[in-house]
Protein backbone atom coordinates (compact mmCIF):
# COMPACT_ATOMS: atom_id res chain seq x y z
CA MET A 1 -14.88 -13.86 -7.07
CA SER A 2 -16.27 -11.79 -4.21
CA ALA A 3 -16.00 -8.02 -4.02
CA PHE A 4 -13.15 -6.48 -2.03
CA ASP A 5 -14.26 -5.15 1.37
CA TYR A 6 -12.65 -1.72 1.79
CA GLY A 7 -14.11 -1.45 5.31
CA MET A 8 -12.12 -4.31 6.85
CA GLU A 9 -9.13 -3.76 9.12
CA ALA A 10 -5.82 -3.94 7.26
CA GLY A 11 -2.09 -4.06 7.83
CA LEU A 12 0.38 -2.39 5.49
CA PHE A 13 3.99 -3.53 5.27
CA SER A 14 6.61 -1.61 3.32
CA SER A 15 10.33 -2.12 3.04
CA LYS A 16 13.18 0.06 1.98
CA ALA A 17 16.72 -1.14 1.34
CA SER A 18 19.42 1.43 1.89
CA ALA A 19 23.13 1.33 1.16
CA LYS A 20 25.21 1.12 4.28
CA ARG A 21 28.93 1.35 3.85
CA SER A 22 30.47 -0.08 0.71
CA ARG A 23 28.88 -3.45 -0.11
CA SER A 24 26.36 -4.17 2.60
CA TYR A 25 22.70 -3.24 2.54
CA GLN A 26 20.32 -2.66 5.37
CA SER A 27 16.63 -3.29 4.88
CA SER A 28 14.00 -1.78 7.12
CA VAL A 29 10.42 -2.95 7.24
CA GLU A 30 7.68 -0.67 8.44
CA PHE A 31 4.24 -1.84 9.56
CA ARG A 32 1.10 0.21 10.02
CA ARG A 33 -2.36 -0.97 11.02
CA PHE A 34 -5.45 0.77 9.64
CA ALA A 35 -9.05 0.55 10.79
CA GLN A 36 -10.15 0.34 7.14
CA ALA A 37 -8.39 -1.14 4.12
CA ALA A 38 -9.39 1.95 2.12
CA GLU A 39 -7.31 4.13 4.45
CA ALA A 40 -4.29 1.84 4.04
CA ILE A 41 -4.65 1.86 0.26
CA ARG A 42 -4.97 5.63 0.12
CA TYR A 43 -1.92 6.01 2.39
CA ALA A 44 0.17 3.65 0.20
CA VAL A 45 -0.74 5.41 -3.05
CA GLU A 46 -1.01 9.05 -1.98
CA ASP A 47 1.32 9.51 0.99
CA MET A 48 4.22 7.14 0.41
CA PRO A 49 6.85 7.85 -2.24
CA ALA A 50 5.73 6.23 -5.52
CA ALA A 51 8.91 4.16 -5.70
CA LEU A 52 7.96 2.37 -2.48
CA LEU A 53 4.57 1.13 -3.69
CA GLY A 54 6.28 -1.89 -5.26
CA THR A 55 7.67 -2.86 -1.86
CA CYS A 56 4.29 -2.70 -0.13
CA SER A 57 2.19 -5.59 1.02
CA LEU A 58 -1.40 -5.08 2.15
CA GLU A 59 -2.97 -7.74 4.35
CA VAL A 60 -6.76 -7.83 4.62
CA ALA A 61 -8.31 -10.82 6.39
CA GLU A 62 -6.21 -13.69 5.02
CA ALA A 63 -5.50 -12.14 1.62
CA THR A 64 -2.33 -10.32 0.62
CA TYR A 65 -2.04 -7.66 -2.10
CA SER A 66 1.18 -6.16 -3.44
CA GLY A 67 2.15 -3.02 -5.38
CA ALA A 68 0.17 -3.28 -8.63
CA ALA A 69 -2.82 -4.89 -6.88
CA ILE A 70 -2.88 -2.06 -4.31
CA ARG A 71 -2.86 0.49 -7.14
CA GLY A 72 -5.70 -1.43 -8.83
CA LEU A 73 -7.80 -1.33 -5.65
CA TYR A 74 -7.17 2.42 -5.41
CA GLU A 75 -8.15 3.05 -9.04
CA SER A 76 -11.27 0.88 -8.80
CA ALA A 77 -14.65 2.56 -9.18
CA GLU A 78 -15.55 0.87 -5.88
CA PHE A 79 -12.87 2.77 -3.90
CA PRO A 80 -14.95 4.61 -1.25
CA LEU A 81 -12.70 7.53 -0.27
CA PRO A 82 -12.03 10.78 -2.13
CA ARG A 83 -8.81 10.72 -4.16
CA ARG A 84 -6.29 13.44 -4.78
CA ILE A 85 -6.30 14.40 -8.45
CA ASP A 86 -2.51 14.04 -8.90
CA ALA A 87 -2.17 10.69 -7.07
CA THR A 88 -3.20 8.64 -10.12
CA LYS A 89 -0.41 10.24 -12.15
CA LYS A 90 2.37 8.87 -9.92
């Protein structure tokens, strides 16, 4: 298995379902493009509400990573950006 390239361009998708009226739900999907995968990963873990991490999908090259995998990339010793101390406690 090859090492993850944190420097590659990445897209981050996140979705949030919200109650609308009595029994219907509306789901919104947000997309953000990042120059580096490391920036997308840090944004997903540190800046988004923790509950939304499970709805995230990170696309790097032709690979897709979801919630727990994104957290694993963030917690890796290879992660190149500085982390906030409290972000790993989310």
